[in-house]
Amino acid sequence: MKPLSVVVRTICDIFMWFMAVYGAYIIIHGHITPGGGFQGGAVVATLIAFMLVSHGGEKMVSFVRTGMYSAAETTGLLLFICAGFFGIATTFFYNFLAKQGGLFGSTVPLGANSGVLNSSGTIALMNMGVGLEVIGGLSLIIYFMFRGIRLHVETGSEETGHDR
């Protein structure tokens, strides 16, 4: 893929920051608003597709470090599983941080959604884990799909199956 015009690339560079912040917002506020780790991770992973379309394949391939996205995917998975096992004394996925005070355990006020961020207990940790997992996984899928298409176009080979 070839890069688009300078105007499109500049607008995409500006807009990508808003996408990253909005995706992080969806992940962090997942327990009090519609959305969560998967939806926010998908928004952030869209940055890779956005860069591919606006800047072209060469820039995207030089920018993406597969080890970084693989580490994000692994870290997210471990965070999710560890948050599930931390409360195993009571039950698997027990919300042991709820109403404990501190960063994730304040008491939820009665009434309509008040927007208290630190009221979810382990749910916020799990949203963050799922968000990292989805960012890493979807970014790698987009990257390797592009690399596969690029390899297919460069070699000129076609898939031959047994259906002929």
Protein backbone atom coordinates (compact mmCIF):
# COMPACT_ATOMS: atom_id res chain seq x y z
CA MET A 1 0.00 0.00 0.00
CA LYS A 2 1.21 3.44 -0.84
CA PRO A 3 0.80 6.38 1.52
CA LEU A 4 -2.03 8.83 0.95
CA SER A 5 -1.63 12.60 0.57
CA VAL A 6 0.07 14.81 3.14
CA VAL A 7 -3.27 16.27 4.19
CA VAL A 8 -4.76 12.85 4.92
CA ARG A 9 -1.66 11.71 6.80
CA THR A 10 -1.61 14.87 8.93
CA ILE A 11 -5.29 14.56 9.82
CA CYS A 12 -4.80 10.87 10.64
CA ASP A 13 -1.80 11.67 12.84
CA ILE A 14 -3.91 14.14 14.81
CA PHE A 15 -6.96 11.87 14.94
CA MET A 16 -4.99 8.81 16.10
CA TRP A 17 -4.28 10.46 19.47
CA PHE A 18 -7.99 11.00 20.02
CA MET A 19 -8.64 7.35 19.15
CA ALA A 20 -6.03 6.18 21.66
CA VAL A 21 -7.42 8.38 24.43
CA TYR A 22 -11.01 7.39 23.67
CA GLY A 23 -10.08 3.68 23.67
CA ALA A 24 -8.34 4.08 27.03
CA TYR A 25 -11.42 5.93 28.32
CA ILE A 26 -13.68 3.06 27.25
CA ILE A 27 -11.41 0.51 28.96
CA ILE A 28 -11.11 2.45 32.21
CA HIS A 29 -14.81 3.36 32.44
CA GLY A 30 -16.02 -0.08 31.36
CA HIS A 31 -17.69 -0.91 34.66
CA ILE A 32 -19.87 2.22 34.77
CA THR A 33 -20.62 2.84 31.09
CA PRO A 34 -21.39 0.64 28.08
CA GLY A 35 -18.15 -0.79 26.83
CA GLY A 36 -15.18 -2.28 28.58
CA GLY A 37 -11.93 -4.02 27.82
CA PHE A 38 -12.87 -5.61 24.52
CA GLN A 39 -14.53 -2.55 23.01
CA GLY A 40 -11.79 -0.16 24.14
CA GLY A 41 -9.08 -2.55 22.99
CA ALA A 42 -10.69 -2.77 19.56
CA VAL A 43 -10.74 1.04 19.30
CA VAL A 44 -7.05 1.26 20.20
CA ALA A 45 -6.11 -1.61 17.86
CA THR A 46 -7.81 0.25 15.03
CA LEU A 47 -4.84 2.62 15.15
CA ILE A 48 -2.76 0.02 13.31
CA ALA A 49 -5.31 -0.21 10.50
CA PHE A 50 -5.56 3.58 10.46
CA MET A 51 -1.78 3.86 10.08
CA LEU A 52 -1.76 1.21 7.37
CA VAL A 53 -4.34 3.07 5.30
CA SER A 54 -2.96 6.59 5.78
CA HIS A 55 0.81 6.07 5.86
CA GLY A 56 1.15 2.93 3.79
CA GLY A 57 2.55 -0.47 4.48
CA GLU A 58 6.22 0.43 4.80
CA LYS A 59 5.64 2.91 7.64
CA MET A 60 3.30 0.51 9.43
CA VAL A 61 5.78 -2.38 9.17
CA SER A 62 8.62 -0.18 10.44
CA PHE A 63 6.47 1.16 13.31
CA VAL A 64 4.96 -2.09 14.61
CA ARG A 65 7.13 -4.17 16.90
CA THR A 66 5.49 -7.57 17.17
CA GLY A 67 7.27 -8.31 20.45
CA MET A 68 5.66 -5.28 22.09
CA TYR A 69 2.15 -6.35 21.05
CA SER A 70 2.82 -9.95 21.98
CA ALA A 71 4.00 -8.78 25.42
CA ALA A 72 0.83 -6.66 25.80
CA GLU A 73 -1.29 -9.67 24.91
CA THR A 74 0.53 -11.91 27.39
CA THR A 75 0.44 -9.30 30.16
CA GLY A 76 -3.28 -8.74 29.67
CA LEU A 77 -3.99 -12.45 29.81
CA LEU A 78 -1.90 -12.92 32.95
CA LEU A 79 -3.55 -9.91 34.63
CA PHE A 80 -7.01 -11.29 33.88
CA ILE A 81 -6.20 -14.79 35.12
CA CYS A 82 -4.38 -13.52 38.22
CA ALA A 83 -7.34 -11.28 39.11
CA GLY A 84 -9.52 -14.37 38.85
CA PHE A 85 -7.27 -16.46 41.09
CA PHE A 86 -6.66 -13.78 43.76
CA GLY A 87 -10.06 -14.43 45.31
CA ILE A 88 -9.84 -18.23 45.05
CA ALA A 89 -10.10 -18.60 48.84
CA THR A 90 -13.80 -17.76 48.43
CA THR A 91 -14.47 -18.61 44.79
CA PHE A 92 -12.90 -18.15 41.37
CA PHE A 93 -13.32 -14.52 40.14
CA TYR A 94 -14.45 -13.41 43.59
CA ASN A 95 -14.46 -9.60 43.80
CA PHE A 96 -12.15 -9.44 46.82
CA LEU A 97 -11.39 -5.72 46.38
CA ALA A 98 -15.01 -4.54 46.59
CA LYS A 99 -15.72 -2.26 49.56
CA GLN A 100 -12.14 -2.63 50.86
CA GLY A 101 -11.17 1.01 50.31
CA GLY A 102 -8.12 2.11 48.44
CA LEU A 103 -7.66 2.43 44.71
CA PHE A 104 -10.34 0.00 43.48
CA GLY A 105 -12.57 -0.62 46.48
CA SER A 106 -14.59 2.39 47.54
CA THR A 107 -18.21 1.88 48.46
CA VAL A 108 -20.72 2.48 45.67
CA PRO A 109 -23.20 5.24 46.53
CA LEU A 110 -26.90 4.47 46.25
CA GLY A 111 -28.94 5.79 43.36
CA ALA A 112 -28.25 6.34 39.71
CA ASN A 113 -24.83 5.82 38.14
CA SER A 114 -22.69 8.31 40.00
CA GLY A 115 -19.54 7.72 37.93
CA VAL A 116 -17.31 6.67 40.80
CA LEU A 117 -14.31 5.10 39.08
CA ASN A 118 -12.77 3.29 42.02
CA SER A 119 -15.90 1.36 42.97
CA SER A 120 -15.52 -1.78 40.88
CA GLY A 121 -13.00 -3.89 42.74
CA THR A 122 -11.44 -6.52 40.49
CA ILE A 123 -13.72 -5.69 37.56
CA ALA A 124 -11.52 -2.71 36.63
CA LEU A 125 -8.42 -4.93 36.73
CA MET A 126 -10.13 -7.46 34.49
CA ASN A 127 -11.22 -4.74 32.05
CA MET A 128 -7.63 -3.53 31.85
CA GLY A 129 -6.39 -7.07 31.29
CA VAL A 130 -8.93 -7.71 28.53
CA GLY A 131 -8.10 -4.33 26.99
CA LEU A 132 -4.38 -5.16 26.81
CA GLU A 133 -5.18 -8.61 25.44
CA VAL A 134 -7.39 -7.24 22.68
CA ILE A 135 -4.98 -4.43 21.77
CA GLY A 136 -2.16 -6.90 21.38
CA GLY A 137 -4.17 -9.61 19.64
CA LEU A 138 -6.05 -7.46 17.12
CA SER A 139 -2.96 -5.40 16.31
CA LEU A 140 -1.02 -8.57 15.56
CA ILE A 141 -3.88 -9.92 13.45
CA ILE A 142 -3.94 -6.74 11.34
CA TYR A 143 -0.14 -6.76 11.04
CA PHE A 144 0.16 -10.40 9.97
CA MET A 145 -2.80 -10.19 7.61
CA PHE A 146 -1.09 -7.29 5.84
CA ARG A 147 2.20 -9.18 5.74
CA GLY A 148 0.41 -12.21 4.25
CA ILE A 149 -1.33 -10.15 1.58
CA ARG A 150 1.94 -8.39 0.79
CA LEU A 151 3.76 -11.72 0.47
CA HIS A 152 0.99 -13.07 -1.76
CA VAL A 153 1.16 -10.04 -4.07
CA GLU A 154 4.98 -10.02 -4.23
CA THR A 155 5.33 -13.72 -5.06
CA GLY A 156 2.35 -13.78 -7.38
CA SER A 157 1.37 -17.21 -6.16
CA GLU A 158 -2.20 -18.33 -5.94
CA GLU A 159 -3.59 -20.80 -3.51
CA THR A 160 -4.38 -24.11 -5.13
CA GLY A 161 -6.68 -26.46 -3.39
CA HIS A 162 -8.17 -29.83 -4.09
CA ASP A 163 -11.45 -28.34 -5.24
CA ARG A 164 -10.35 -27.99 -8.88
